[in-house]
Amino acid sequence: MKNPVVLPNCALVCASLIILSVAPAILAADNDSAILLSCGASQPGSDLDGRDWTPDSDFNFSLPLSGHSVKATQQGSSVPRVPYLTARVFTSPFSYNFPLAVGGRVFLRLYFYPSNYDNDNYTSGDAFFSVTAGTYTLLHNFSASLVANNLNYDYFTREFSLNVSTGVLNLTFSPSPAHNNSYAFINGVEIVPIPDIFNSGNAVLINTDGYAYPILKEIHPESAIETVYRLNVGGQAIAPPIGEFSRFWEDDTLYLFGASSGVTFSKDTNVSIRYAPDVPSYIAPTEVYATARSMGPDASMNLQYNLTWILQVDAGFSYLVRFHFCEIQYPITTRKQRVFEIFINNQTAEESADVIAWSGGIGVATFRDYMVSTTGSGQMDMWVALHPQVDSRPHYYDAILNGLEVFKLQNSSNSLAGFNPEPRDQTFDNPDGYYFTDSISLHVKIVINIMQILLPHINPINGIYWLCFS
């Protein structure tokens, strides 16, 4: 299985619920400090990024630590020892109470390595459980094993953001009553205080009729949020300690659709990245803006396709989709040189995206937010696409993107929990890197191949796209 990326996809009421409170003095840290809890570990350790993790058994709990401290029965060579070698297993509901020195928004990261534990006394297939944070459901009837199988990862992380207005973060793990011999487990917990990075004030609502409305949408300050994707477009993965808040930025290559993936490039050596006056420097590290992906130098080819990413998400939720932009190479220095359209789920998010017009100049970082709602249940594909804008007659028929983030917003039931994915039974061998699991997906692959044949023959004439053969 592949190495993972950070993802970068109701507690039971029980008289036997055990609540552990961490001494406030231990968690009294700067806003820049992270809390790194290695669950089930017997001694401190450092991860591959050089960050120090503390065993949960070393914290000064007001009650005796419950659950079972266990080791993975078998651990692959690609799996980091910290924090994944050990876990804490719960066979009944269990809570950590984390008093925070300052109330406010935090990143909460949960680390999972779905393996057999304690000499196979706990098998990965039996781990079905829910995770709640206060009144919010983060995971429900969750199977880390099914998620890892679907992702083709050995281990993974789930990242959430919560506003801990009370100053105490209550995190509860509850085995699922719907499965025999079920248990909950956790390998690591990370808590990072952050400013409110979600309410930009310029989020544009994309309505179901396919048009973006200039309505400023704000996320409620108390909302629970899950980071679904955080992509460094056109560049390599960015791992801590680069940037603030220990965020991991994934290479976008895996999510590109079709044979036309554009070109990647880095900033010119004489270009320095700086932030627009209305963009805080913590919104994304300069490394994100220093690389980009565009459609390429061939204008006629660019007009024949969309630069597209496909991102699997949970249906039935609303999402904040954040685009990071920065023009980083000459000669793009003025307005109307590169203008393009932005589509989300085949709906128009932006008719005339002009990065220089938004940012004010070359090397100036900016971003745009869009709100999109989905319907149904289960998992679905979110399509993000860019295409040159023809009507404004820009100097270059091209599009550019530096970074992309997708955040899931809690539903009306205060839940972020989606369904477990279906097991990945079969993978078709194909050179394009797509993974298909059943006959339906095989039909999708056939459609993809047909579209790749037809796309070069689709040409815009008077604003209408025609299928033309010569």
Protein backbone atom coordinates (compact mmCIF):
# COMPACT_ATOMS: atom_id res chain seq x y z
CA MET A 1 0.00 0.00 0.00
CA LYS A 2 1.06 3.57 -0.58
CA ASN A 3 2.22 6.06 2.03
CA PRO A 4 -0.56 8.39 3.15
CA VAL A 5 -1.38 12.03 2.95
CA VAL A 6 -3.20 14.13 5.49
CA LEU A 7 -6.88 14.01 4.71
CA PRO A 8 -4.37 15.28 2.89
CA ASN A 9 -12.98 11.91 2.99
CA CYS A 10 -22.89 10.17 18.35
CA ALA A 11 -21.27 9.23 21.35
CA LEU A 12 -23.12 6.61 23.39
CA VAL A 13 -24.67 7.72 26.61
CA CYS A 14 -23.24 5.24 29.06
CA ALA A 15 -22.97 5.19 32.82
CA SER A 16 -19.54 3.64 32.51
CA LEU A 17 -18.19 6.57 30.47
CA ILE A 18 -14.77 7.46 31.80
CA ILE A 19 -13.63 11.06 31.45
CA LEU A 20 -9.96 11.97 31.80
CA SER A 21 -8.96 15.59 32.38
CA VAL A 22 -5.53 16.79 31.41
CA ALA A 23 -3.98 19.20 33.86
CA PRO A 24 -4.31 22.76 32.47
CA ALA A 25 -0.68 23.54 33.20
CA ILE A 26 0.43 20.86 30.77
CA LEU A 27 -1.56 22.30 27.88
CA ALA A 28 -0.90 25.95 28.64
CA ALA A 29 1.02 26.70 25.48
CA ASP A 30 1.56 29.49 22.99
CA ASN A 31 -0.81 29.87 20.09
CA ASP A 32 2.05 28.53 17.95
CA SER A 33 2.51 25.38 20.06
CA ALA A 34 1.05 22.02 19.13
CA ILE A 35 -0.06 19.28 21.49
CA LEU A 36 1.23 15.94 20.25
CA LEU A 37 -0.14 12.94 22.13
CA SER A 38 1.27 9.50 21.29
CA CYS A 39 -1.47 7.14 22.43
CA GLY A 40 -0.43 3.89 24.08
CA ALA A 41 3.27 4.80 23.99
CA SER A 42 5.49 4.13 27.00
CA GLN A 43 8.11 6.77 26.24
CA PRO A 44 8.47 10.04 24.29
CA GLY A 45 9.47 9.89 20.64
CA SER A 46 10.09 12.06 17.58
CA ASP A 47 8.33 11.69 14.24
CA LEU A 48 9.95 11.89 10.80
CA ASP A 49 9.48 15.68 10.78
CA GLY A 50 11.42 16.01 14.04
CA ARG A 51 8.39 16.85 16.17
CA ASP A 52 8.32 15.50 19.74
CA TRP A 53 5.37 13.38 20.86
CA THR A 54 4.43 12.77 24.50
CA PRO A 55 2.87 9.47 25.68
CA ASP A 56 -0.70 9.89 26.85
CA SER A 57 0.31 7.93 29.95
CA ASP A 58 2.68 10.77 30.94
CA PHE A 59 -0.05 13.36 31.17
CA ASN A 60 -1.29 14.35 34.62
CA PHE A 61 -4.83 13.00 34.39
CA SER A 62 -7.30 13.70 37.16
CA LEU A 63 -8.50 10.08 36.85
CA PRO A 64 -6.52 6.92 36.09
CA LEU A 65 -5.91 6.40 32.39
CA SER A 66 -8.33 3.85 30.94
CA GLY A 67 -8.31 1.72 27.81
CA HIS A 68 -5.56 -0.66 26.78
CA SER A 69 -2.09 0.35 25.67
CA VAL A 70 -1.22 -1.92 22.73
CA LYS A 71 1.39 -2.40 20.02
CA ALA A 72 0.78 -3.24 16.40
CA THR A 73 1.20 -6.98 15.83
CA GLN A 74 2.98 -6.27 12.56
CA GLN A 75 4.19 -2.97 11.18
CA GLY A 76 5.29 -2.36 7.59
CA SER A 77 8.64 -0.78 6.86
CA SER A 78 6.95 2.29 5.35
CA VAL A 79 4.94 3.04 8.50
CA PRO A 80 6.60 5.57 10.87
CA ARG A 81 7.10 4.28 14.40
CA VAL A 82 5.84 7.54 15.93
CA PRO A 83 2.94 7.82 16.48
CA TYR A 84 1.81 4.65 14.67
CA LEU A 85 3.64 1.83 16.47
CA THR A 86 1.34 1.98 19.50
CA ALA A 87 -2.34 2.70 20.07
CA ARG A 88 -4.85 3.05 22.85
CA VAL A 89 -7.82 0.69 22.47
CA PHE A 90 -11.23 1.29 24.04
CA THR A 91 -13.91 -1.37 24.46
CA SER A 92 -16.31 1.10 26.10
CA PRO A 93 -16.92 4.85 25.67
CA PHE A 94 -13.94 6.93 26.73
CA SER A 95 -13.20 10.68 26.81
CA TYR A 96 -10.12 12.85 26.93
CA ASN A 97 -10.75 16.35 28.32
CA PHE A 98 -8.17 18.85 27.06
CA PRO A 99 -8.25 22.21 28.87
CA LEU A 100 -6.78 24.82 26.54
CA ALA A 101 -4.97 27.90 27.81
CA VAL A 102 -6.88 30.12 25.38
CA GLY A 103 -10.29 29.35 23.91
CA GLY A 104 -10.77 29.65 20.17
CA ARG A 105 -10.36 27.69 16.97
CA VAL A 106 -7.99 24.74 16.75
CA PHE A 107 -6.90 22.08 14.32
CA LEU A 108 -7.63 18.62 15.70
CA ARG A 109 -5.76 15.83 13.93
CA LEU A 110 -6.48 12.15 14.56
CA TYR A 111 -3.84 9.61 13.48
CA PHE A 112 -4.85 6.08 12.48
CA TYR A 113 -2.93 2.94 11.56
CA PRO A 114 -5.55 0.19 11.05
CA SER A 115 -3.60 -2.92 11.99
CA ASN A 116 -4.05 -5.92 14.23
CA TYR A 117 -2.98 -5.09 17.78
CA ASP A 118 -1.89 -6.90 20.92
CA ASN A 119 -0.84 -10.16 19.20
CA ASP A 120 -4.03 -10.16 17.12
CA ASN A 121 -6.33 -9.85 20.12
CA TYR A 122 -7.72 -6.77 18.37
CA THR A 123 -8.17 -7.27 14.64
CA SER A 124 -8.45 -4.30 12.32
CA GLY A 125 -11.76 -5.48 10.85
CA ASP A 126 -13.48 -5.26 14.26
CA ALA A 127 -12.66 -1.58 14.82
CA PHE A 128 -15.94 0.26 14.21
CA PHE A 129 -16.47 3.35 16.35
CA SER A 130 -17.64 6.94 16.62
CA VAL A 131 -15.71 10.05 17.63
CA THR A 132 -17.36 13.17 19.02
CA ALA A 133 -15.96 16.51 20.10
CA GLY A 134 -18.41 18.11 22.50
CA THR A 135 -21.73 18.28 20.66
CA TYR A 136 -20.20 17.58 17.24
CA THR A 137 -19.98 14.17 15.59
CA LEU A 138 -16.70 13.85 13.73
CA LEU A 139 -16.86 10.15 12.80
CA HIS A 140 -19.76 7.68 13.08
CA ASN A 141 -19.58 3.90 12.77
CA PHE A 142 -16.13 4.60 11.38
CA SER A 143 -13.87 1.85 10.02
CA ALA A 144 -10.26 2.95 9.64
CA SER A 145 -9.56 -0.34 7.90
CA LEU A 146 -12.13 0.29 5.14
CA VAL A 147 -10.91 3.86 4.69
CA ALA A 148 -7.27 2.78 4.40
CA ASN A 149 -8.23 0.05 1.94
CA ASN A 150 -10.17 2.51 -0.21
CA LEU A 151 -7.32 5.03 -0.18
CA ASN A 152 -4.68 2.34 -0.72
CA TYR A 153 -2.76 3.78 2.25
CA ASP A 154 -1.25 1.99 5.23
CA TYR A 155 -1.97 4.88 7.59
CA PHE A 156 -3.71 8.25 7.41
CA THR A 157 -4.76 11.35 9.31
CA ARG A 158 -8.11 13.06 9.64
CA GLU A 159 -7.97 16.81 10.26
CA PHE A 160 -10.82 18.81 11.80
CA SER A 161 -11.22 22.39 12.98
CA LEU A 162 -13.31 23.28 16.01
CA ASN A 163 -14.01 26.46 17.93
CA VAL A 164 -13.40 25.54 21.56
CA SER A 165 -15.18 28.53 23.03
CA THR A 166 -15.40 26.95 26.48
CA GLY A 167 -11.63 26.45 26.70
CA VAL A 168 -12.06 22.67 27.12
CA LEU A 169 -11.95 20.18 24.25
CA ASN A 170 -13.83 16.98 25.07
CA LEU A 171 -12.93 14.12 22.73
CA THR A 172 -14.95 10.90 23.05
CA PHE A 173 -14.33 7.49 21.42
CA SER A 174 -17.25 5.04 21.42
CA PRO A 175 -17.26 1.48 20.00
CA SER A 176 -20.15 0.89 17.61
CA PRO A 177 -23.03 -1.13 19.10
CA ALA A 178 -23.96 -2.34 15.60
CA HIS A 179 -20.91 -4.63 15.35
CA ASN A 180 -19.95 -7.58 17.53
CA ASN A 181 -16.57 -7.32 19.25
CA SER A 182 -16.22 -3.73 18.11
CA TYR A 183 -13.64 -1.46 19.67
CA ALA A 184 -12.26 2.04 19.20
CA PHE A 185 -8.62 2.94 18.85
CA ILE A 186 -6.40 5.96 18.29
CA ASN A 187 -2.67 6.18 17.57
CA GLY A 188 -2.11 9.90 17.94
CA VAL A 189 -3.90 13.15 18.75
CA GLU A 190 -2.63 16.58 17.71
CA ILE A 191 -4.15 19.91 18.75
CA VAL A 192 -2.93 23.17 17.19
CA PRO A 193 -4.41 26.57 18.12
CA ILE A 194 -5.12 28.65 14.98
CA PRO A 195 -6.77 31.94 14.04
CA ASP A 196 -10.07 31.79 12.17
CA ILE A 197 -8.76 31.06 8.66
CA PHE A 198 -12.15 30.11 7.24
CA ASN A 199 -14.17 33.33 7.24
CA SER A 200 -12.53 35.26 4.42
CA GLY A 201 -15.50 37.53 3.84
CA ASN A 202 -15.41 36.96 0.07
CA ALA A 203 -16.87 33.45 -0.31
CA VAL A 204 -19.12 33.28 -3.36
CA LEU A 205 -22.22 31.09 -3.28
CA ILE A 206 -22.61 28.69 -6.21
CA ASN A 207 -26.29 27.94 -6.61
CA THR A 208 -27.78 24.75 -8.00
CA ASP A 209 -28.83 26.58 -11.18
CA GLY A 210 -25.19 26.65 -12.20
CA TYR A 211 -24.36 30.28 -11.50
CA ALA A 212 -22.20 31.97 -8.89
CA TYR A 213 -23.89 34.76 -6.98
CA PRO A 214 -21.99 37.70 -5.45
CA ILE A 215 -23.37 36.86 -2.03
CA LEU A 216 -20.82 36.96 0.76
CA LYS A 217 -21.23 33.75 2.73
CA GLU A 218 -19.79 33.44 6.20
CA ILE A 219 -19.18 30.29 8.19
CA HIS A 220 -20.71 30.38 11.65
CA PRO A 221 -17.92 30.91 14.23
CA GLU A 222 -18.97 27.77 16.12
CA SER A 223 -19.07 25.51 13.05
CA ALA A 224 -17.14 22.25 12.93
CA ILE A 225 -15.07 21.82 9.75
CA GLU A 226 -13.12 18.95 8.21
CA THR A 227 -10.15 19.40 5.89
CA VAL A 228 -10.82 17.07 2.96
CA TYR A 229 -8.05 18.18 0.56
CA ARG A 230 -5.08 20.53 0.78
CA LEU A 231 -3.15 20.49 -2.50
CA ASN A 232 0.05 22.21 -3.55
CA VAL A 233 -0.76 22.59 -7.24
CA GLY A 234 2.22 22.27 -9.55
CA GLY A 235 4.71 21.63 -6.76
CA GLN A 236 5.91 18.91 -4.44
CA ALA A 237 4.31 17.93 -1.16
CA ILE A 238 4.95 20.40 1.68
CA ALA A 239 5.33 18.89 5.15
CA PRO A 240 5.91 20.41 8.60
CA PRO A 241 7.79 22.34 9.81
CA ILE A 242 7.36 24.39 6.61
CA GLY A 243 4.51 26.85 7.05
CA GLU A 244 2.34 27.51 10.06
CA PHE A 245 0.03 25.22 12.04
CA SER A 246 1.85 22.03 10.88
CA ARG A 247 -0.29 21.72 7.76
CA PHE A 248 0.52 19.11 5.13
CA TRP A 249 0.09 20.11 1.48
CA GLU A 250 -0.24 17.20 -0.94
CA ASP A 251 1.07 17.08 -4.50
CA ASP A 252 -1.96 17.52 -6.79
CA THR A 253 -0.80 15.06 -9.48
CA LEU A 254 -2.89 12.13 -8.21
CA TYR A 255 -6.14 14.04 -8.74
CA LEU A 256 -5.61 15.34 -12.27
CA PHE A 257 -8.12 14.11 -14.85
CA GLY A 258 -7.29 12.98 -18.35
CA ALA A 259 -4.17 12.96 -20.45
CA SER A 260 -3.91 16.78 -20.60
CA SER A 261 -2.52 17.81 -17.24
CA GLY A 262 -0.98 21.12 -18.25
CA VAL A 263 2.52 22.20 -17.31
CA THR A 264 4.13 22.96 -13.95
CA PHE A 265 6.60 25.72 -13.23
CA SER A 266 8.29 27.67 -10.43
CA LYS A 267 8.57 31.40 -9.89
CA ASP A 268 11.15 33.39 -11.78
CA THR A 269 14.31 33.92 -9.76
CA ASN A 270 13.75 37.69 -9.65
CA VAL A 271 10.19 37.32 -8.31
CA SER A 272 9.63 37.49 -4.55
CA ILE A 273 6.38 36.18 -3.08
CA ARG A 274 4.45 38.68 -0.99
CA TYR A 275 0.84 38.81 0.17
CA ALA A 276 -1.90 41.13 -1.02
CA PRO A 277 -2.93 43.69 1.63
CA ASP A 278 -6.15 41.80 2.43
CA VAL A 279 -4.45 38.36 2.62
CA PRO A 280 -2.93 37.26 5.96
CA SER A 281 0.44 35.55 5.63
CA TYR A 282 -0.80 32.47 7.51
CA ILE A 283 -3.43 31.67 4.86
CA ALA A 284 -0.84 29.50 3.06
CA PRO A 285 2.98 29.34 3.07
CA THR A 286 4.94 31.11 0.34
CA GLU A 287 6.04 27.68 -0.95
CA VAL A 288 2.47 27.10 -2.19
CA TYR A 289 2.49 30.30 -4.22
CA ALA A 290 6.04 29.75 -5.54
CA THR A 291 4.89 26.95 -7.89
CA ALA A 292 1.92 26.64 -10.20
CA ARG A 293 0.21 24.58 -12.88
CA SER A 294 -1.05 26.16 -16.10
CA MET A 295 -2.56 24.76 -19.26
CA GLY A 296 0.56 25.36 -21.35
CA PRO A 297 1.86 27.66 -24.10
CA ASP A 298 -0.28 26.26 -26.96
CA ALA A 299 -3.38 28.46 -27.12
CA SER A 300 -5.19 26.34 -29.69
CA MET A 301 -4.68 23.23 -27.59
CA ASN A 302 -5.79 25.02 -24.42
CA LEU A 303 -9.10 25.96 -25.99
CA GLN A 304 -9.83 22.28 -26.62
CA TYR A 305 -9.79 21.02 -23.03
CA ASN A 306 -10.36 21.87 -19.39
CA LEU A 307 -7.60 21.60 -16.82
CA THR A 308 -9.45 19.35 -14.37
CA TRP A 309 -9.09 17.78 -10.94
CA ILE A 310 -11.44 15.08 -9.57
CA LEU A 311 -11.83 14.97 -5.79
CA GLN A 312 -13.89 12.33 -3.98
CA VAL A 313 -16.11 13.82 -1.26
CA ASP A 314 -19.07 12.84 0.92
CA ALA A 315 -22.40 13.73 -0.67
CA GLY A 316 -25.01 15.63 1.32
CA PHE A 317 -22.67 18.27 2.76
CA SER A 318 -21.70 21.83 1.90
CA TYR A 319 -18.09 22.61 1.08
CA LEU A 320 -15.82 25.62 1.16
CA VAL A 321 -13.51 25.39 -1.89
CA ARG A 322 -10.48 27.69 -1.68
CA PHE A 323 -8.31 28.54 -4.70
CA HIS A 324 -4.82 29.98 -4.16
CA PHE A 325 -3.42 32.20 -6.93
CA CYS A 326 -0.19 34.01 -7.71
CA GLU A 327 1.32 35.02 -11.06
CA ILE A 328 4.98 34.13 -10.70
CA GLN A 329 6.53 34.35 -14.19
CA TYR A 330 7.06 37.14 -16.65
CA PRO A 331 5.58 38.40 -18.93
CA ILE A 332 2.26 38.11 -16.98
CA THR A 333 2.31 41.47 -15.17
CA THR A 334 -0.88 43.34 -16.11
CA ARG A 335 -4.62 42.81 -16.27
CA LYS A 336 -6.31 40.93 -19.11
CA GLN A 337 -3.18 39.03 -20.07
CA ARG A 338 -4.47 35.72 -18.66
CA VAL A 339 -8.20 35.44 -17.99
CA PHE A 340 -10.02 32.16 -17.40
CA GLU A 341 -13.20 30.49 -16.16
CA ILE A 342 -13.55 28.38 -12.99
CA PHE A 343 -16.04 25.51 -12.77
CA ILE A 344 -17.02 23.42 -9.74
CA ASN A 345 -19.19 20.37 -10.40
CA ASN A 346 -19.92 21.67 -13.91
CA GLN A 347 -21.27 24.90 -12.44
CA THR A 348 -19.71 28.28 -13.20
CA ALA A 349 -17.91 29.60 -10.14
CA GLU A 350 -16.05 32.44 -11.89
CA GLU A 351 -16.62 33.77 -15.40
CA SER A 352 -13.51 35.98 -15.64
CA ALA A 353 -10.72 35.05 -13.24
CA ASP A 354 -7.85 37.52 -13.60
CA VAL A 355 -5.16 36.92 -10.98
CA ILE A 356 -3.32 40.20 -11.59
CA ALA A 357 -6.59 42.12 -11.26
CA TRP A 358 -7.25 40.39 -7.94
CA SER A 359 -3.75 40.55 -6.46
CA GLY A 360 -2.37 43.80 -7.87
CA GLY A 361 0.80 42.51 -9.47
CA ILE A 362 3.24 39.73 -10.22
CA GLY A 363 4.45 37.80 -7.15
CA VAL A 364 1.46 38.92 -5.06
CA ALA A 365 -0.47 36.05 -3.46
CA THR A 366 -4.24 36.02 -3.22
CA PHE A 367 -7.09 33.51 -2.88
CA ARG A 368 -10.77 33.08 -3.67
CA ASP A 369 -13.43 31.12 -1.77
CA TYR A 370 -16.54 29.44 -3.16
CA MET A 371 -19.37 27.68 -1.32
CA VAL A 372 -20.96 24.64 -2.96
CA SER A 373 -23.64 22.27 -1.68
CA THR A 374 -24.08 18.61 -2.59
CA THR A 375 -27.06 16.29 -2.31
CA GLY A 376 -27.54 12.58 -1.82
CA SER A 377 -25.53 10.18 0.31
CA GLY A 378 -22.43 8.08 0.02
CA GLN A 379 -19.40 9.29 -1.91
CA MET A 380 -19.31 11.40 -5.04
CA ASP A 381 -16.76 13.11 -7.26
CA MET A 382 -16.25 16.85 -7.04
CA TRP A 383 -14.97 18.22 -10.36
CA VAL A 384 -12.83 21.36 -10.37
CA ALA A 385 -11.96 22.71 -13.82
CA LEU A 386 -10.31 25.74 -15.44
CA HIS A 387 -10.73 26.94 -19.03
CA PRO A 388 -9.51 30.04 -20.93
CA GLN A 389 -12.03 32.86 -21.09
CA VAL A 390 -12.55 33.68 -24.76
CA ASP A 391 -14.95 36.63 -24.74
CA SER A 392 -12.54 39.05 -23.02
CA ARG A 393 -9.88 38.32 -25.66
CA PRO A 394 -6.93 38.00 -23.26
CA HIS A 395 -3.38 38.04 -24.55
CA TYR A 396 -2.88 34.41 -23.42
CA TYR A 397 -5.56 31.72 -23.66
CA ASP A 398 -4.47 29.95 -20.50
CA ALA A 399 -5.34 29.33 -16.83
CA ILE A 400 -3.26 29.05 -13.66
CA LEU A 401 -3.62 27.60 -10.16
CA ASN A 402 -1.14 27.45 -7.25
CA GLY A 403 -3.08 25.73 -4.47
CA LEU A 404 -6.46 24.17 -3.75
CA GLU A 405 -8.22 23.38 -0.46
CA VAL A 406 -11.59 21.71 0.15
CA PHE A 407 -13.26 21.96 3.56
CA LYS A 408 -16.40 20.06 4.58
CA LEU A 409 -18.91 21.99 6.71
CA GLN A 410 -21.03 20.42 9.41
CA ASN A 411 -24.62 19.58 8.51
CA SER A 412 -27.76 20.58 10.39
CA SER A 413 -27.26 17.66 12.78
CA ASN A 414 -23.87 18.99 13.92
CA SER A 415 -22.20 16.13 12.08
CA LEU A 416 -19.24 15.77 9.73
CA ALA A 417 -19.53 11.99 9.54
CA GLY A 418 -19.86 10.31 6.17
CA PHE A 419 -20.35 6.67 5.25
CA ASN A 420 -17.58 4.11 5.16
CA PRO A 421 -16.35 3.44 1.61
CA GLU A 422 -16.92 0.12 -0.13
CA PRO A 423 -13.97 -2.30 -0.06
CA ARG A 424 -11.59 -1.89 -2.98
CA ASP A 425 -12.01 -5.40 -4.39
CA GLN A 426 -10.18 -5.10 -7.70
CA THR A 427 -7.83 -2.63 -9.34
CA PHE A 428 -7.58 -2.48 -13.11
CA ASP A 429 -4.05 -2.18 -14.42
CA ASN A 430 -3.87 1.01 -16.45
CA PRO A 431 -1.08 3.46 -17.25
CA ASP A 432 -3.06 6.57 -16.37
CA GLY A 433 -3.10 5.91 -12.64
CA TYR A 434 -6.89 5.65 -12.24
CA TYR A 435 -8.27 3.10 -9.79
CA PHE A 436 -11.54 1.32 -10.53
CA THR A 437 -13.25 -1.18 -8.29
CA ASP A 438 -16.27 -2.59 -10.10
CA SER A 439 -18.11 -2.90 -13.41
CA ILE A 440 -19.64 0.55 -13.05
CA SER A 441 -16.18 2.05 -12.73
CA LEU A 442 -15.09 0.10 -15.80
CA HIS A 443 -17.85 1.86 -17.74
CA VAL A 444 -16.53 5.17 -16.37
CA LYS A 445 -13.08 4.27 -17.67
CA ILE A 446 -14.53 3.60 -21.13
CA VAL A 447 -16.23 7.02 -21.08
CA ILE A 448 -12.94 8.63 -20.03
CA ASN A 449 -11.14 7.03 -22.94
CA ILE A 450 -13.85 8.13 -25.39
CA MET A 451 -13.74 11.71 -24.05
CA GLN A 452 -9.98 11.81 -24.42
CA ILE A 453 -10.44 10.91 -28.08
CA LEU A 454 -13.20 13.49 -28.65
CA LEU A 455 -11.80 16.44 -26.68
CA PRO A 456 -9.23 17.46 -29.34
CA HIS A 457 -12.12 17.85 -31.82
CA ILE A 458 -14.28 20.09 -29.61
CA ASN A 459 -13.87 23.71 -30.69
CA PRO A 460 -15.54 26.91 -29.46
CA ILE A 461 -17.43 28.81 -32.17
CA ASN A 462 -19.32 31.94 -31.12
CA GLY A 463 -19.28 30.82 -27.50
CA ILE A 464 -20.71 27.38 -28.34
CA TYR A 465 -18.61 24.23 -28.26
CA TRP A 466 -18.93 22.11 -31.43
CA LEU A 467 -17.65 18.63 -32.21
CA CYS A 468 -15.61 19.08 -35.38
CA PHE A 469 -13.70 16.51 -37.46
CA SER A 470 -11.47 17.43 -40.36
